Protein backbone atom coordinates (compact mmCIF):
# COMPACT_ATOMS: atom_id res chain seq x y z
CA UNK A 1 0.00 0.00 0.00
CA UNK A 2 1.22 3.48 -0.79
CA UNK A 3 2.14 5.88 1.98
CA UNK A 4 -0.60 8.46 1.59
CA UNK A 5 1.08 10.92 3.94
CA UNK A 6 4.39 10.94 2.00
CA UNK A 7 3.58 14.30 0.32
CA UNK A 8 3.61 15.90 3.78
CA UNK A 9 7.34 15.24 4.27
CA UNK A 10 8.38 18.10 1.98
CA UNK A 11 6.03 20.45 3.85
CA UNK A 12 7.54 19.88 7.32
CA UNK A 13 8.02 22.20 9.13
CA UNK A 14 5.13 24.51 8.27
CA UNK A 15 3.39 26.88 10.63
CA UNK A 16 0.66 28.13 8.29
CA UNK A 17 -1.43 25.18 7.20
CA UNK A 18 -4.74 25.40 5.39
CA UNK A 19 -6.20 21.92 5.05
CA UNK A 20 -9.49 21.78 3.19
CA UNK A 21 -11.91 18.95 2.65
CA UNK A 22 -14.17 19.45 -0.34
CA UNK A 23 -17.89 18.86 0.04
CA UNK A 24 -19.11 16.28 -2.50
CA UNK A 25 -16.24 17.18 -4.82
CA UNK A 26 -16.72 14.29 -7.22
CA UNK A 27 -20.42 15.16 -7.48
CA UNK A 28 -19.85 18.82 -8.36
CA UNK A 29 -16.54 18.92 -10.25
CA UNK A 30 -17.56 20.31 -13.68
CA UNK A 31 -16.95 18.11 -16.71
CA UNK A 32 -16.21 21.24 -18.76
CA UNK A 33 -13.24 21.91 -16.45
CA UNK A 34 -11.96 18.37 -17.07
CA UNK A 35 -12.50 18.78 -20.81
CA UNK A 36 -10.72 22.14 -21.11
CA UNK A 37 -7.68 20.98 -19.07
CA UNK A 38 -7.29 17.83 -21.17
CA UNK A 39 -7.73 19.84 -24.38
CA UNK A 40 -4.84 22.08 -23.32
CA UNK A 41 -2.66 19.08 -22.53
CA UNK A 42 -3.52 17.02 -25.61
CA UNK A 43 -6.08 18.30 -28.11
CA UNK A 44 -9.85 18.84 -28.28
CA UNK A 45 -10.49 15.58 -30.10
CA UNK A 46 -8.73 13.51 -27.44
CA UNK A 47 -10.37 15.51 -24.64
CA UNK A 48 -13.76 14.96 -26.23
CA UNK A 49 -13.25 11.22 -26.52
CA UNK A 50 -12.12 10.92 -22.91
CA UNK A 51 -14.48 13.33 -21.16
CA UNK A 52 -17.57 13.46 -23.32
CA UNK A 53 -17.64 9.89 -24.56
CA UNK A 54 -16.61 8.06 -21.41
CA UNK A 55 -18.08 10.42 -18.82
CA UNK A 56 -20.52 12.96 -20.24
CA UNK A 57 -22.58 10.75 -22.53
CA UNK A 58 -23.17 7.90 -20.14
CA UNK A 59 -26.94 7.77 -20.21
CA UNK A 60 -28.77 5.80 -17.57
CA UNK A 61 -32.39 4.81 -17.43
CA UNK A 62 -33.88 5.59 -14.05
CA UNK A 63 -37.25 4.19 -13.05
CA UNK A 64 -39.44 6.67 -11.22
CA UNK A 65 -42.30 5.67 -8.97
CA UNK A 66 -45.07 7.51 -10.83
CA UNK A 67 -43.60 8.02 -14.30
CA UNK A 68 -42.11 6.01 -17.10
CA UNK A 69 -38.38 5.44 -17.33
CA UNK A 70 -36.34 8.62 -17.71
CA UNK A 71 -32.88 8.98 -19.14
CA UNK A 72 -30.28 10.89 -17.15
CA UNK A 73 -26.60 11.68 -17.63
CA UNK A 74 -23.92 13.55 -15.72
CA UNK A 75 -22.96 17.15 -16.53
CA UNK A 76 -21.10 17.78 -13.29
CA UNK A 77 -19.12 15.17 -11.46
CA UNK A 78 -19.40 11.43 -11.45
CA UNK A 79 -20.15 8.78 -8.88
CA UNK A 80 -17.09 8.02 -6.75
CA UNK A 81 -17.02 4.40 -7.87
CA UNK A 82 -16.62 5.33 -11.54
CA UNK A 83 -12.91 4.50 -11.83
CA UNK A 84 -12.20 6.32 -15.09
CA UNK A 85 -13.19 9.59 -13.48
CA UNK A 86 -10.84 9.49 -10.47
CA UNK A 87 -7.50 10.11 -12.28
CA UNK A 88 -9.06 13.00 -14.22
CA UNK A 89 -10.41 14.50 -11.02
CA UNK A 90 -7.02 14.16 -9.29
CA UNK A 91 -5.20 15.70 -12.26
CA UNK A 92 -7.53 18.70 -12.51
CA UNK A 93 -7.44 19.15 -8.73
CA UNK A 94 -3.67 19.65 -9.02
CA UNK A 95 -4.23 21.99 -11.98
CA UNK A 96 -6.52 24.14 -9.84
CA UNK A 97 -3.81 24.50 -7.16
CA UNK A 98 -1.21 25.31 -9.84
CA UNK A 99 -3.56 27.94 -11.30
CA UNK A 100 -4.07 29.47 -7.84
CA UNK A 101 -0.31 29.61 -7.27
CA UNK A 102 0.28 31.22 -10.67
CA UNK A 103 -2.18 34.00 -9.75
CA UNK A 104 -0.12 35.09 -6.73
CA UNK A 105 3.38 33.76 -7.51
CA UNK A 106 3.68 33.94 -11.33
CA UNK A 107 6.44 31.89 -12.92
CA UNK A 108 7.43 30.14 -9.69
CA UNK A 109 7.09 26.36 -9.34
CA UNK A 110 4.72 25.89 -6.42
CA UNK A 111 5.15 22.71 -4.39
CA UNK A 112 3.97 23.82 -0.95
CA UNK A 113 0.84 21.71 -1.09
CA UNK A 114 -0.38 18.12 -0.90
CA UNK A 115 -3.47 16.53 -2.43
CA UNK A 116 -5.12 13.21 -1.73
CA UNK A 117 -8.49 12.87 -3.40
CA UNK A 118 -10.64 15.71 -2.16
CA UNK A 119 -8.27 16.56 0.72
CA UNK A 120 -5.86 19.40 0.05
CA UNK A 121 -3.24 21.04 2.26
CA UNK A 122 -1.77 24.37 1.18
CA UNK A 123 0.92 26.09 3.25
CA UNK A 124 0.70 29.49 1.53
CA UNK A 125 -2.31 31.60 2.60
CA UNK A 126 -2.34 33.67 -0.61
CA UNK A 127 -2.41 30.56 -2.78
CA UNK A 128 -5.05 29.02 -0.51
CA UNK A 129 -7.27 32.08 -0.93
CA UNK A 130 -6.98 31.92 -4.74
CA UNK A 131 -7.71 28.18 -4.58
CA UNK A 132 -10.83 28.90 -2.53
CA UNK A 133 -11.94 31.52 -5.08
CA UNK A 134 -11.30 29.05 -7.92
CA UNK A 135 -13.49 26.47 -6.20
CA UNK A 136 -16.24 29.07 -5.90
CA UNK A 137 -16.04 29.76 -9.63
CA UNK A 138 -16.34 26.03 -10.31
CA UNK A 139 -19.31 25.71 -7.96
CA UNK A 140 -17.48 23.35 -5.59
CA UNK A 141 -17.89 23.93 -1.87
CA UNK A 142 -15.45 23.45 1.00
CA UNK A 143 -16.70 21.42 3.94
CA UNK A 144 -15.89 23.93 6.69
CA UNK A 145 -16.53 21.50 9.56
CA UNK A 146 -13.95 19.06 8.10
CA UNK A 147 -11.37 21.74 7.23
CA UNK A 148 -8.64 23.13 9.47
CA UNK A 149 -6.86 26.46 9.16
CA UNK A 150 -3.89 26.75 11.49
CA UNK A 151 -1.05 29.15 12.22
CA UNK A 152 0.72 26.63 14.48
CA UNK A 153 1.28 23.77 12.06
CA UNK A 154 -1.80 21.72 12.90
CA UNK A 155 -3.22 19.82 9.95
CA UNK A 156 -5.64 17.03 9.10
CA UNK A 157 -4.64 15.12 5.97
CA UNK A 158 -5.35 11.53 4.91
CA UNK A 159 -7.08 10.83 8.23
CA UNK A 160 -3.91 11.90 10.07
CA UNK A 161 -3.93 14.73 12.61
CA UNK A 162 -0.54 16.44 12.91
CA UNK A 163 0.43 19.28 15.26
CA UNK A 164 3.50 21.35 16.21
CA UNK A 165 4.67 22.41 12.72
CA UNK A 166 3.38 19.04 11.42
CA UNK A 167 6.03 17.16 13.43
CA UNK A 168 3.80 15.32 15.94
CA UNK A 169 1.17 12.83 14.76
CA UNK A 170 -1.72 12.49 17.20
CA UNK A 171 -3.70 10.07 15.02
CA UNK A 172 -2.57 6.85 16.71
CA UNK A 173 -3.83 8.16 20.06
CA UNK A 174 -7.51 7.46 20.73
CA UNK A 175 -9.73 10.18 22.18
CA UNK A 176 -10.14 8.08 25.34
CA UNK A 177 -6.35 7.85 25.78
CA UNK A 178 -5.94 11.52 24.89
CA UNK A 179 -8.37 12.53 27.62
CA UNK A 180 -6.37 10.43 30.08
CA UNK A 181 -3.22 12.54 29.53
CA UNK A 182 -4.19 15.41 31.72
CA UNK A 183 -2.98 17.26 34.73
CA UNK A 184 -5.05 19.22 37.24
CA UNK A 185 -3.78 22.38 35.52
CA UNK A 186 -4.54 21.29 31.93
CA UNK A 187 -3.74 18.82 29.19
CA UNK A 188 -0.19 17.88 28.17
CA UNK A 189 0.34 18.99 24.55
């Protein structure tokens, strides 16, 4: 199994950490965004065959309770289990971060981020703000209750909770055990 937290190594130590979890990202990621990014990388014909043929024109017949069968297809996003979609989503998620970085740091290779699926960690607040604005333009929302913005190096990424400039991993410690590490004057952290 791959080490899903490996991208974090190059980000240690980081004080400013903006870790976002996207809300229903695969449901709302626009197919037109996938198409246009692939068209830039290859050509429009290839992009059309990949995005439109394999994703956009999948028509399903859905039985309704009171009506005849209806045909539906996806215009934004895909179901998570649709394997052909996942690499395209991951690729365009990186492209969005690169675009955000180019807006505030033109011409500079930006590598102060990590992505795993719909989890993203960005250690530059200006890039993170542009990323957030880009998501708004795409119609994709950030799950605020699953996101963490920290100025002390606390981050949640790939189900791991790191603190102290991302150097201490608290994930292996259960909440029950964590509550047991206390002193009459406060918790030990």
